[in-house]
PDB file of N, CA and C in Angstrom:
ATOM      1  N   MET A   1      14.746 -17.009   7.765  1.00  0.00           N
ATOM      2  CA  MET A   1      15.990 -16.600   7.154  1.00  0.00           C
ATOM      3  C   MET A   1      15.907 -15.165   6.644  1.00  0.00           C
ATOM      4  N   ALA A   2      14.770 -14.802   5.998  1.00  0.00           N
ATOM      5  CA  ALA A   2      14.623 -13.442   5.479  1.00  0.00           C
ATOM      6  C   ALA A   2      14.688 -12.439   6.620  1.00  0.00           C
ATOM      7  N   LYS A   3      14.070 -12.779   7.756  1.00  0.00           N
ATOM      8  CA  LYS A   3      14.110 -11.888   8.920  1.00  0.00           C
ATOM      9  C   LYS A   3      15.551 -11.658   9.348  1.00  0.00           C
ATOM     10  N   THR A   4      16.332 -12.730   9.385  1.00  0.00           N
ATOM     11  CA  THR A   4      17.726 -12.616   9.816  1.00  0.00           C
ATOM     12  C   THR A   4      18.517 -11.747   8.850  1.00  0.00           C
ATOM     13  N   VAL A   5      18.335 -11.989   7.563  1.00  0.00           N
ATOM     14  CA  VAL A   5      19.107 -11.252   6.557  1.00  0.00           C
ATOM     15  C   VAL A   5      18.663  -9.795   6.479  1.00  0.00           C
ATOM     16  N   ILE A   6      17.350  -9.570   6.368  1.00  0.00           N
ATOM     17  CA  ILE A   6      16.863  -8.205   6.139  1.00  0.00           C
ATOM     18  C   ILE A   6      16.733  -7.424   7.443  1.00  0.00           C
ATOM     19  N   PHE A   7      15.930  -7.949   8.363  1.00  0.00           N
ATOM     20  CA  PHE A   7      15.652  -7.183   9.576  1.00  0.00           C
ATOM     21  C   PHE A   7      16.879  -7.074  10.475  1.00  0.00           C
ATOM     22  N   ASP A   8      17.466  -8.216  10.822  1.00  0.00           N
ATOM     23  CA  ASP A   8      18.607  -8.199  11.731  1.00  0.00           C
ATOM     24  C   ASP A   8      19.884  -7.722  11.041  1.00  0.00           C
ATOM     25  N   GLY A   9      20.010  -8.061   9.752  1.00  0.00           N
ATOM     26  CA  GLY A   9      21.233  -7.702   9.028  1.00  0.00           C
ATOM     27  C   GLY A   9      21.201  -6.302   8.454  1.00  0.00           C
ATOM     28  N   VAL A  10      20.452  -6.134   7.358  1.00  0.00           N
ATOM     29  CA  VAL A  10      20.437  -4.860   6.636  1.00  0.00           C
ATOM     30  C   VAL A  10      19.862  -3.737   7.498  1.00  0.00           C
ATOM     31  N   LEU A  11      18.744  -3.985   8.164  1.00  0.00           N
ATOM     32  CA  LEU A  11      18.090  -2.934   8.958  1.00  0.00           C
ATOM     33  C   LEU A  11      18.643  -2.839  10.375  1.00  0.00           C
ATOM     34  N   LYS A  12      19.600  -3.671  10.687  1.00  0.00           N
ATOM     35  CA  LYS A  12      20.292  -3.644  11.985  1.00  0.00           C
ATOM     36  C   LYS A  12      19.333  -3.733  13.164  1.00  0.00           C
ATOM     37  N   GLY A  13      18.210  -4.466  12.963  1.00  0.00           N
ATOM     38  CA  GLY A  13      17.251  -4.682  14.040  1.00  0.00           C
ATOM     39  C   GLY A  13      16.405  -3.472  14.388  1.00  0.00           C
ATOM     40  N   SER A  14      16.485  -2.434  13.605  1.00  0.00           N
ATOM     41  CA  SER A  14      15.745  -1.205  13.909  1.00  0.00           C
ATOM     42  C   SER A  14      14.300  -1.287  13.423  1.00  0.00           C
ATOM     43  N   THR A  15      13.403  -0.679  14.183  1.00  0.00           N
ATOM     44  CA  THR A  15      12.001  -0.560  13.760  1.00  0.00           C
ATOM     45  C   THR A  15      11.664   0.891  13.450  1.00  0.00           C
ATOM     46  N   ASP A  16      12.663   1.752  13.444  1.00  0.00           N
ATOM     47  CA  ASP A  16      12.477   3.185  13.204  1.00  0.00           C
ATOM     48  C   ASP A  16      12.517   3.465  11.700  1.00  0.00           C
ATOM     49  N   LYS A  17      11.428   4.023  11.181  1.00  0.00           N
ATOM     50  CA  LYS A  17      11.321   4.278   9.738  1.00  0.00           C
ATOM     51  C   LYS A  17      12.428   5.211   9.248  1.00  0.00           C
ATOM     52  N   SER A  18      12.806   6.197  10.039  1.00  0.00           N
ATOM     53  CA  SER A  18      13.856   7.123   9.605  1.00  0.00           C
ATOM     54  C   SER A  18      15.192   6.394   9.455  1.00  0.00           C
ATOM     55  N   VAL A  19      15.450   5.405  10.313  1.00  0.00           N
ATOM     56  CA  VAL A  19      16.673   4.596  10.189  1.00  0.00           C
ATOM     57  C   VAL A  19      16.606   3.765   8.912  1.00  0.00           C
ATOM     58  N   TRP A  20      15.430   3.194   8.620  1.00  0.00           N
ATOM     59  CA  TRP A  20      15.259   2.402   7.402  1.00  0.00           C
ATOM     60  C   TRP A  20      15.533   3.254   6.166  1.00  0.00           C
ATOM     61  N   LEU A  21      14.994   4.485   6.151  1.00  0.00           N
ATOM     62  CA  LEU A  21      15.199   5.378   4.998  1.00  0.00           C
ATOM     63  C   LEU A  21      16.668   5.745   4.848  1.00  0.00           C
ATOM     64  N   LYS A  22      17.341   5.993   5.964  1.00  0.00           N
ATOM     65  CA  LYS A  22      18.776   6.320   5.928  1.00  0.00           C
ATOM     66  C   LYS A  22      19.567   5.134   5.358  1.00  0.00           C
ATOM     67  N   ILE A  23      19.251   3.922   5.832  1.00  0.00           N
ATOM     68  CA  ILE A  23      19.928   2.722   5.337  1.00  0.00           C
ATOM     69  C   ILE A  23      19.651   2.530   3.856  1.00  0.00           C
ATOM     70  N   PHE A  24      18.390   2.753   3.440  1.00  0.00           N
ATOM     71  CA  PHE A  24      18.034   2.635   2.020  1.00  0.00           C
ATOM     72  C   PHE A  24      18.876   3.590   1.175  1.00  0.00           C
ATOM     73  N   GLU A  25      18.969   4.847   1.596  1.00  0.00           N
ATOM     74  CA  GLU A  25      19.744   5.838   0.839  1.00  0.00           C
ATOM     75  C   GLU A  25      21.227   5.459   0.790  1.00  0.00           C
ATOM     76  N   GLU A  26      21.759   4.927   1.900  1.00  0.00           N
ATOM     77  CA  GLU A  26      23.163   4.489   1.922  1.00  0.00           C
ATOM     78  C   GLU A  26      23.386   3.340   0.937  1.00  0.00           C
ATOM     79  N   GLU A  27      22.479   2.361   0.948  1.00  0.00           N
ATOM     80  CA  GLU A  27      22.601   1.216   0.040  1.00  0.00           C
ATOM     81  C   GLU A  27      22.452   1.654  -1.416  1.00  0.00           C
ATOM     82  N   LYS A  28      21.504   2.561  -1.659  1.00  0.00           N
ATOM     83  CA  LYS A  28      21.309   3.089  -3.015  1.00  0.00           C
ATOM     84  C   LYS A  28      22.580   3.787  -3.498  1.00  0.00           C
ATOM     85  N   GLN A  29      23.215   4.564  -2.630  1.00  0.00           N
ATOM     86  CA  GLN A  29      24.437   5.276  -3.011  1.00  0.00           C
ATOM     87  C   GLN A  29      25.571   4.298  -3.304  1.00  0.00           C
ATOM     88  N   LYS A  30      25.643   3.201  -2.545  1.00  0.00           N
ATOM     89  CA  LYS A  30      26.660   2.177  -2.824  1.00  0.00           C
ATOM     90  C   LYS A  30      26.491   1.621  -4.232  1.00  0.00           C
ATOM     91  N   ILE A  31      25.237   1.359  -4.627  1.00  0.00           N
ATOM     92  CA  ILE A  31      24.950   0.829  -5.964  1.00  0.00           C
ATOM     93  C   ILE A  31      25.312   1.859  -7.025  1.00  0.00           C
ATOM     94  N   ILE A  32      24.946   3.121  -6.790  1.00  0.00           N
ATOM     95  CA  ILE A  32      25.266   4.193  -7.748  1.00  0.00           C
ATOM     96  C   ILE A  32      26.776   4.292  -7.938  1.00  0.00           C
ATOM     97  N   ASN A  33      27.524   4.168  -6.857  1.00  0.00           N
ATOM     98  CA  ASN A  33      28.988   4.256  -6.932  1.00  0.00           C
ATOM     99  C   ASN A  33      29.603   3.028  -7.601  1.00  0.00           C
ATOM    100  N   LEU A  34      28.937   1.889  -7.505  1.00  0.00           N
ATOM    101  CA  LEU A  34      29.471   0.635  -8.015  1.00  0.00           C
ATOM    102  C   LEU A  34      29.212   0.429  -9.512  1.00  0.00           C
ATOM    103  N   ILE A  35      28.029   0.802  -9.982  1.00  0.00           N
ATOM    104  CA  ILE A  35      27.618   0.539 -11.367  1.00  0.00           C
ATOM    105  C   ILE A  35      28.019   1.716 -12.260  1.00  0.00           C
ATOM    106  N   PRO A  36      28.649   1.445 -13.403  1.00  0.00           N
ATOM    107  CA  PRO A  36      28.983   2.530 -14.340  1.00  0.00           C
ATOM    108  C   PRO A  36      27.707   3.251 -14.795  1.00  0.00           C
ATOM    109  N   GLU A  37      27.798   4.547 -14.960  1.00  0.00           N
ATOM    110  CA  GLU A  37      26.629   5.378 -15.281  1.00  0.00           C
ATOM    111  C   GLU A  37      25.878   4.908 -16.520  1.00  0.00           C
ATOM    112  N   GLU A  38      26.602   4.443 -17.537  1.00  0.00           N
ATOM    113  CA  GLU A  38      25.942   4.008 -18.771  1.00  0.00           C
ATOM    114  C   GLU A  38      25.174   2.693 -18.594  1.00  0.00           C
ATOM    115  N   HIS A  39      25.383   2.008 -17.472  1.00  0.00           N
ATOM    116  CA  HIS A  39      24.686   0.751 -17.193  1.00  0.00           C
ATOM    117  C   HIS A  39      23.662   0.879 -16.058  1.00  0.00           C
ATOM    118  N   LEU A  40      23.430   2.095 -15.616  1.00  0.00           N
ATOM    119  CA  LEU A  40      22.558   2.317 -14.459  1.00  0.00           C
ATOM    120  C   LEU A  40      21.400   3.235 -14.837  1.00  0.00           C
ATOM    121  N   LEU A  41      20.220   2.817 -14.492  1.00  0.00           N
ATOM    122  CA  LEU A  41      19.037   3.656 -14.685  1.00  0.00           C
ATOM    123  C   LEU A  41      18.415   3.917 -13.319  1.00  0.00           C
ATOM    124  N   LEU A  42      18.385   5.168 -12.925  1.00  0.00           N
ATOM    125  CA  LEU A  42      17.651   5.568 -11.724  1.00  0.00           C
ATOM    126  C   LEU A  42      16.282   6.002 -12.226  1.00  0.00           C
ATOM    127  N   PHE A  43      15.321   5.140 -12.019  1.00  0.00           N
ATOM    128  CA  PHE A  43      14.018   5.299 -12.658  1.00  0.00           C
ATOM    129  C   PHE A  43      12.934   5.581 -11.635  1.00  0.00           C
ATOM    130  N   ASP A  44      12.141   6.591 -11.935  1.00  0.00           N
ATOM    131  CA  ASP A  44      10.948   6.891 -11.145  1.00  0.00           C
ATOM    132  C   ASP A  44       9.758   6.599 -12.052  1.00  0.00           C
ATOM    133  N   ALA A  45       8.875   5.719 -11.617  1.00  0.00           N
ATOM    134  CA  ALA A  45       7.745   5.297 -12.450  1.00  0.00           C
ATOM    135  C   ALA A  45       6.878   6.480 -12.885  1.00  0.00           C
ATOM    136  N   LYS A  46       6.932   7.582 -12.150  1.00  0.00           N
ATOM    137  CA  LYS A  46       6.151   8.769 -12.528  1.00  0.00           C
ATOM    138  C   LYS A  46       6.626   9.353 -13.863  1.00  0.00           C
ATOM    139  N   GLU A  47       7.842   9.006 -14.273  1.00  0.00           N
ATOM    140  CA  GLU A  47       8.399   9.523 -15.522  1.00  0.00           C
ATOM    141  C   GLU A  47       7.824   8.823 -16.754  1.00  0.00           C
ATOM    142  N   GLY A  48       7.180   7.679 -16.556  1.00  0.00           N
ATOM    143  CA  GLY A  48       6.555   6.982 -17.674  1.00  0.00           C
ATOM    144  C   GLY A  48       7.529   6.137 -18.479  1.00  0.00           C
ATOM    145  N   TRP A  49       7.094   5.825 -19.711  1.00  0.00           N
ATOM    146  CA  TRP A  49       7.838   4.900 -20.570  1.00  0.00           C
ATOM    147  C   TRP A  49       9.167   5.455 -21.076  1.00  0.00           C
ATOM    148  N   GLU A  50       9.209   6.750 -21.375  1.00  0.00           N
ATOM    149  CA  GLU A  50      10.327   7.304 -22.146  1.00  0.00           C
ATOM    150  C   GLU A  50      11.716   7.009 -21.567  1.00  0.00           C
ATOM    151  N   PRO A  51      12.019   7.346 -20.298  1.00  0.00           N
ATOM    152  CA  PRO A  51      13.378   7.058 -19.821  1.00  0.00           C
ATOM    153  C   PRO A  51      13.695   5.566 -19.763  1.00  0.00           C
ATOM    154  N   LEU A  52      12.705   4.767 -19.451  1.00  0.00           N
ATOM    155  CA  LEU A  52      12.901   3.319 -19.382  1.00  0.00           C
ATOM    156  C   LEU A  52      13.206   2.751 -20.770  1.00  0.00           C
ATOM    157  N   CYS A  53      12.396   3.124 -21.740  1.00  0.00           N
ATOM    158  CA  CYS A  53      12.585   2.615 -23.104  1.00  0.00           C
ATOM    159  C   CYS A  53      13.877   3.140 -23.735  1.00  0.00           C
ATOM    160  N   ASN A  54      14.208   4.395 -23.454  1.00  0.00           N
ATOM    161  CA  ASN A  54      15.471   4.943 -23.966  1.00  0.00           C
ATOM    162  C   ASN A  54      16.658   4.172 -23.397  1.00  0.00           C
ATOM    163  N   PHE A  55      16.606   3.871 -22.113  1.00  0.00           N
ATOM    164  CA  PHE A  55      17.681   3.120 -21.471  1.00  0.00           C
ATOM    165  C   PHE A  55      17.807   1.720 -22.065  1.00  0.00           C
ATOM    166  N   LEU A  56      16.661   1.090 -22.331  1.00  0.00           N
ATOM    167  CA  LEU A  56      16.655  -0.264 -22.892  1.00  0.00           C
ATOM    168  C   LEU A  56      16.793  -0.281 -24.409  1.00  0.00           C
ATOM    169  N   GLU A  57      16.867   0.917 -24.999  1.00  0.00           N
ATOM    170  CA  GLU A  57      16.994   1.078 -26.446  1.00  0.00           C
ATOM    171  C   GLU A  57      15.888   0.330 -27.183  1.00  0.00           C
ATOM    172  N   THR A  58      14.665   0.608 -26.782  1.00  0.00           N
ATOM    173  CA  THR A  58      13.497  -0.022 -27.390  1.00  0.00           C
ATOM    174  C   THR A  58      12.441   1.039 -27.667  1.00  0.00           C
ATOM    175  N   ASP A  59      11.469   0.680 -28.476  1.00  0.00           N
ATOM    176  CA  ASP A  59      10.400   1.610 -28.802  1.00  0.00           C
ATOM    177  C   ASP A  59       9.491   1.834 -27.598  1.00  0.00           C
ATOM    178  N   ILE A  60       8.918   3.022 -27.562  1.00  0.00           N
ATOM    179  CA  ILE A  60       7.967   3.353 -26.503  1.00  0.00           C
ATOM    180  C   ILE A  60       6.618   2.735 -26.855  1.00  0.00           C
ATOM    181  N   PRO A  61       6.036   1.948 -25.973  1.00  0.00           N
ATOM    182  CA  PRO A  61       4.730   1.327 -26.263  1.00  0.00           C
ATOM    183  C   PRO A  61       3.642   2.382 -26.442  1.00  0.00           C
ATOM    184  N   GLU A  62       2.635   2.026 -27.186  1.00  0.00           N
ATOM    185  CA  GLU A  62       1.522   2.952 -27.416  1.00  0.00           C
ATOM    186  C   GLU A  62       0.483   2.897 -26.304  1.00  0.00           C
ATOM    187  N   VAL A  63       0.632   1.958 -25.389  1.00  0.00           N
ATOM    188  CA  VAL A  63      -0.301   1.875 -24.259  1.00  0.00           C
ATOM    189  C   VAL A  63       0.197   2.780 -23.135  1.00  0.00           C
ATOM    190  N   PRO A  64      -0.720   3.310 -22.340  1.00  0.00           N
ATOM    191  CA  PRO A  64      -0.301   4.174 -21.228  1.00  0.00           C
ATOM    192  C   PRO A  64       0.555   3.405 -20.219  1.00  0.00           C
ATOM    193  N   PHE A  65       1.469   4.114 -19.603  1.00  0.00           N
ATOM    194  CA  PHE A  65       2.312   3.503 -18.580  1.00  0.00           C
ATOM    195  C   PHE A  65       1.444   3.168 -17.370  1.00  0.00           C
ATOM    196  N   PRO A  66       1.556   1.950 -16.844  1.00  0.00           N
ATOM    197  CA  PRO A  66       0.727   1.603 -15.673  1.00  0.00           C
ATOM    198  C   PRO A  66       1.168   2.433 -14.471  1.00  0.00           C
ATOM    199  N   HIS A  67       0.230   3.113 -13.873  1.00  0.00           N
ATOM    200  CA  HIS A  67       0.604   4.014 -12.784  1.00  0.00           C
ATOM    201  C   HIS A  67      -0.239   3.855 -11.530  1.00  0.00           C
ATOM    202  N   SER A  68      -1.272   3.040 -11.593  1.00  0.00           N
ATOM    203  CA  SER A  68      -2.112   2.909 -10.403  1.00  0.00           C
ATOM    204  C   SER A  68      -1.732   1.675  -9.611  1.00  0.00           C
ATOM    205  N   ASN A  69      -2.012   1.741  -8.344  1.00  0.00           N
ATOM    206  CA  ASN A  69      -1.751   0.619  -7.458  1.00  0.00           C
ATOM    207  C   ASN A  69      -3.038  -0.184  -7.351  1.00  0.00           C
ATOM    208  N   LYS A  70      -3.196  -1.163  -8.220  1.00  0.00           N
ATOM    209  CA  LYS A  70      -4.441  -1.938  -8.273  1.00  0.00           C
ATOM    210  C   LYS A  70      -4.677  -2.704  -6.981  1.00  0.00           C
ATOM    211  N   LYS A  71      -3.602  -3.189  -6.379  1.00  0.00           N
ATOM    212  CA  LYS A  71      -3.765  -3.921  -5.121  1.00  0.00           C
ATOM    213  C   LYS A  71      -4.357  -2.992  -4.063  1.00  0.00           C
ATOM    214  N   GLN A  72      -3.850  -1.764  -3.979  1.00  0.00           N
ATOM    215  CA  GLN A  72      -4.363  -0.829  -2.982  1.00  0.00           C
ATOM    216  C   GLN A  72      -5.829  -0.502  -3.250  1.00  0.00           C
ATOM    217  N   LYS A  73      -6.204  -0.363  -4.527  1.00  0.00           N
ATOM    218  CA  LYS A  73      -7.609  -0.113  -4.847  1.00  0.00           C
ATOM    219  C   LYS A  73      -8.468  -1.285  -4.403  1.00  0.00           C
ATOM    220  N   ARG A  74      -7.964  -2.504  -4.616  1.00  0.00           N
ATOM    221  CA  ARG A  74      -8.710  -3.691  -4.206  1.00  0.00           C
ATOM    222  C   ARG A  74      -8.854  -3.725  -2.689  1.00  0.00           C
ATOM    223  N   VAL A  75      -7.782  -3.380  -1.981  1.00  0.00           N
ATOM    224  CA  VAL A  75      -7.828  -3.338  -0.516  1.00  0.00           C
ATOM    225  C   VAL A  75      -8.844  -2.297  -0.067  1.00  0.00           C
ATOM    226  N   ASN A  76      -8.836  -1.123  -0.706  1.00  0.00           N
ATOM    227  CA  ASN A  76      -9.789  -0.074  -0.339  1.00  0.00           C
ATOM    228  C   ASN A  76     -11.224  -0.519  -0.577  1.00  0.00           C
ATOM    229  N   ARG A  77     -11.488  -1.170  -1.730  1.00  0.00           N
ATOM    230  CA  ARG A  77     -12.847  -1.660  -2.011  1.00  0.00           C
ATOM    231  C   ARG A  77     -13.268  -2.699  -0.981  1.00  0.00           C
ATOM    232  N   THR A  78     -12.344  -3.573  -0.608  1.00  0.00           N
ATOM    233  CA  THR A  78     -12.651  -4.594   0.397  1.00  0.00           C
ATOM    234  C   THR A  78     -12.967  -3.944   1.732  1.00  0.00           C
ATOM    235  N   MET A  79     -12.191  -2.946   2.105  1.00  0.00           N
ATOM    236  CA  MET A  79     -12.442  -2.254   3.373  1.00  0.00           C
ATOM    237  C   MET A  79     -13.801  -1.562   3.357  1.00  0.00           C
ATOM    238  N   ILE A  80     -14.134  -0.924   2.249  1.00  0.00           N
ATOM    239  CA  ILE A  80     -15.433  -0.252   2.131  1.00  0.00           C
ATOM    240  C   ILE A  80     -16.550  -1.280   2.244  1.00  0.00           C
ATOM    241  N   ARG A  81     -16.381  -2.433   1.592  1.00  0.00           N
ATOM    242  CA  ARG A  81     -17.397  -3.484   1.667  1.00  0.00           C
ATOM    243  C   ARG A  81     -17.600  -3.937   3.106  1.00  0.00           C
ATOM    244  N   TYR A  82     -16.501  -4.113   3.847  1.00  0.00           N
ATOM    245  CA  TYR A  82     -16.616  -4.534   5.249  1.00  0.00           C
ATOM    246  C   TYR A  82     -17.274  -3.454   6.105  1.00  0.00           C
ATOM    247  N   VAL A  83     -16.965  -2.203   5.854  1.00  0.00           N
ATOM    248  CA  VAL A  83     -17.589  -1.109   6.617  1.00  0.00           C
ATOM    249  C   VAL A  83     -19.090  -1.091   6.354  1.00  0.00           C
ATOM    250  N   ILE A  84     -19.482  -1.205   5.085  1.00  0.00           N
ATOM    251  CA  ILE A  84     -20.908  -1.227   4.743  1.00  0.00           C
ATOM    252  C   ILE A  84     -21.580  -2.436   5.383  1.00  0.00           C
ATOM    253  N   GLN A  85     -20.920  -3.578   5.324  1.00  0.00           N
ATOM    254  CA  GLN A  85     -21.464  -4.794   5.919  1.00  0.00           C
ATOM    255  C   GLN A  85     -21.632  -4.615   7.434  1.00  0.00           C
ATOM    256  N   ASP A  86     -20.622  -4.036   8.087  1.00  0.00           N
ATOM    257  CA  ASP A  86     -20.701  -3.803   9.533  1.00  0.00           C
ATOM    258  C   ASP A  86     -21.814  -2.820   9.879  1.00  0.00           C
ATOM    259  N   LEU A  87     -21.959  -1.769   9.060  1.00  0.00           N
ATOM    260  CA  LEU A  87     -23.032  -0.803   9.304  1.00  0.00           C
ATOM    261  C   LEU A  87     -24.399  -1.455   9.143  1.00  0.00           C
ATOM    262  N   PHE A  88     -24.535  -2.327   8.152  1.00  0.00           N
ATOM    263  CA  PHE A  88     -25.795  -3.036   7.948  1.00  0.00           C
ATOM    264  C   PHE A  88     -26.108  -3.914   9.162  1.00  0.00           C
ATOM    265  N   ILE A  89     -25.115  -4.667   9.618  1.00  0.00           N
ATOM    266  CA  ILE A  89     -25.316  -5.539  10.780  1.00  0.00           C
ATOM    267  C   ILE A  89     -25.663  -4.708  12.013  1.00  0.00           C
ATOM    268  N   LEU A  90     -24.993  -3.589  12.204  1.00  0.00           N
ATOM    269  CA  LEU A  90     -25.281  -2.709  13.333  1.00  0.00           C
ATOM    270  C   LEU A  90     -26.704  -2.171  13.252  1.00  0.00           C
ATOM    271  N   THR A  91     -27.128  -1.770  12.058  1.00  0.00           N
ATOM    272  CA  THR A  91     -28.482  -1.256  11.867  1.00  0.00           C
ATOM    273  C   THR A  91     -29.518  -2.335  12.185  1.00  0.00           C
ATOM    274  N   VAL A  92     -29.302  -3.532  11.684  1.00  0.00           N
ATOM    275  CA  VAL A  92     -30.213  -4.641  11.972  1.00  0.00           C
ATOM    276  C   VAL A  92     -30.246  -4.908  13.473  1.00  0.00           C
ATOM    277  N   ALA A  93     -29.076  -4.906  14.111  1.00  0.00           N
ATOM    278  CA  ALA A  93     -29.015  -5.153  15.559  1.00  0.00           C
ATOM    279  C   ALA A  93     -29.789  -4.089  16.326  1.00  0.00           C
ATOM    280  N   VAL A  94     -29.663  -2.834  15.914  1.00  0.00           N
ATOM    281  CA  VAL A  94     -30.399  -1.750  16.585  1.00  0.00           C
ATOM    282  C   VAL A  94     -31.903  -1.973  16.443  1.00  0.00           C
ATOM    283  N   PHE A  95     -32.351  -2.328  15.242  1.00  0.00           N
ATOM    284  CA  PHE A  95     -33.789  -2.547  15.041  1.00  0.00           C
ATOM    285  C   PHE A  95     -34.286  -3.776  15.815  1.00  0.00           C
ATOM    286  N   VAL A  96     -33.469  -4.810  15.885  1.00  0.00           N
ATOM    287  CA  VAL A  96     -33.854  -6.002  16.648  1.00  0.00           C
ATOM    288  C   VAL A  96     -33.983  -5.644  18.134  1.00  0.00           C
ATOM    289  N   ILE A  97     -32.994  -4.949  18.649  1.00  0.00           N
ATOM    290  CA  ILE A  97     -33.045  -4.542  20.061  1.00  0.00           C
ATOM    291  C   ILE A  97     -34.235  -3.621  20.305  1.00  0.00           C
ATOM    292  N   TRP A  98     -34.448  -2.693  19.396  1.00  0.00           N
ATOM    293  CA  TRP A  98     -35.570  -1.763  19.509  1.00  0.00           C
ATOM    294  C   TRP A  98     -36.895  -2.538  19.515  1.00  0.00           C
ATOM    295  N   GLY A  99     -37.006  -3.556  18.638  1.00  0.00           N
ATOM    296  CA  GLY A  99     -38.210  -4.377  18.581  1.00  0.00           C
ATOM    297  C   GLY A  99     -38.419  -5.174  19.860  1.00  0.00           C
ATOM    298  N   ILE A 100     -37.334  -5.742  20.403  1.00  0.00           N
ATOM    299  CA  ILE A 100     -37.444  -6.502  21.658  1.00  0.00           C
ATOM    300  C   ILE A 100     -37.883  -5.593  22.795  1.00  0.00           C
ATOM    301  N   VAL A 101     -37.273  -4.422  22.870  1.00  0.00           N
ATOM    302  CA  VAL A 101     -37.626  -3.461  23.917  1.00  0.00           C
ATOM    303  C   VAL A 101     -39.091  -3.053  23.774  1.00  0.00           C
ATOM    304  N   ALA A 102     -39.549  -2.860  22.531  1.00  0.00           N
ATOM    305  CA  ALA A 102     -40.938  -2.491  22.308  1.00  0.00           C
ATOM    306  C   ALA A 102     -41.860  -3.631  22.714  1.00  0.00           C
ATOM    307  N   LEU A 103     -41.453  -4.873  22.460  1.00  0.00           N
ATOM    308  CA  LEU A 103     -42.291  -6.034  22.825  1.00  0.00           C
ATOM    309  C   LEU A 103     -42.442  -6.179  24.342  1.00  0.00           C
ATOM    310  N   ILE A 104     -41.397  -5.875  25.066  1.00  0.00           N
ATOM    311  CA  ILE A 104     -41.516  -6.010  26.524  1.00  0.00           C
ATOM    312  C   ILE A 104     -42.203  -4.819  27.163  1.00  0.00           C
ATOM    313  N   GLY A 105     -42.545  -3.844  26.336  1.00  0.00           N
ATOM    314  CA  GLY A 105     -43.370  -2.728  26.810  1.00  0.00           C
ATOM    315  C   GLY A 105     -42.609  -1.568  27.415  1.00  0.00           C
ATOM    316  N   TYR A 106     -41.347  -1.416  27.075  1.00  0.00           N
ATOM    317  CA  TYR A 106     -40.610  -0.269  27.587  1.00  0.00           C
ATOM    318  C   TYR A 106     -41.163   0.996  26.950  1.00  0.00           C
ATOM    319  N   PRO A 107     -41.513   2.002  27.757  1.00  0.00           N
ATOM    320  CA  PRO A 107     -42.086   3.228  27.184  1.00  0.00           C
ATOM    321  C   PRO A 107     -41.006   4.100  26.550  1.00  0.00           C
ATOM    322  N   PHE A 108     -41.107   4.315  25.245  1.00  0.00           N
ATOM    323  CA  PHE A 108     -40.167   5.181  24.537  1.00  0.00           C
ATOM    324  C   PHE A 108     -40.604   6.640  24.677  1.00  0.00           C
ATOM    325  N   PRO A 109     -39.687   7.517  25.086  1.00  0.00           N
ATOM    326  CA  PRO A 109     -40.043   8.934  25.105  1.00  0.00           C
ATOM    327  C   PRO A 109     -40.072   9.476  23.684  1.00  0.00           C
ATOM    328  N   LEU A 110     -41.126  10.165  23.328  1.00  0.00           N
ATOM    329  CA  LEU A 110     -41.235  10.723  21.978  1.00  0.00           C
ATOM    330  C   LEU A 110     -41.149  12.198  21.985  1.00  0.00           C
TER     331      LEU A 110
END
């Protein structure tokens, strides 16, 4: 159902990123035109707590605004772990092959 609504409907079946961005901007403009300015916050997380808290009429927290993508960091750490693991396996495989070749008496050029 989500595919039908989002991909086939909103994105009009397109796989082109530039079309997606154009559609996003069109939809965003529709919302901007629909919602009264005093009830709309166009928020960029890079701006931190201040515009968000001012809009919500609340105090600014004393903790830093969360700005890192923890999921992406976790994905990067996982990828690094797999690369290291693959390199270790490759190194072991090279030494095993080298040992087998040495056992069968293949002359290594030095």
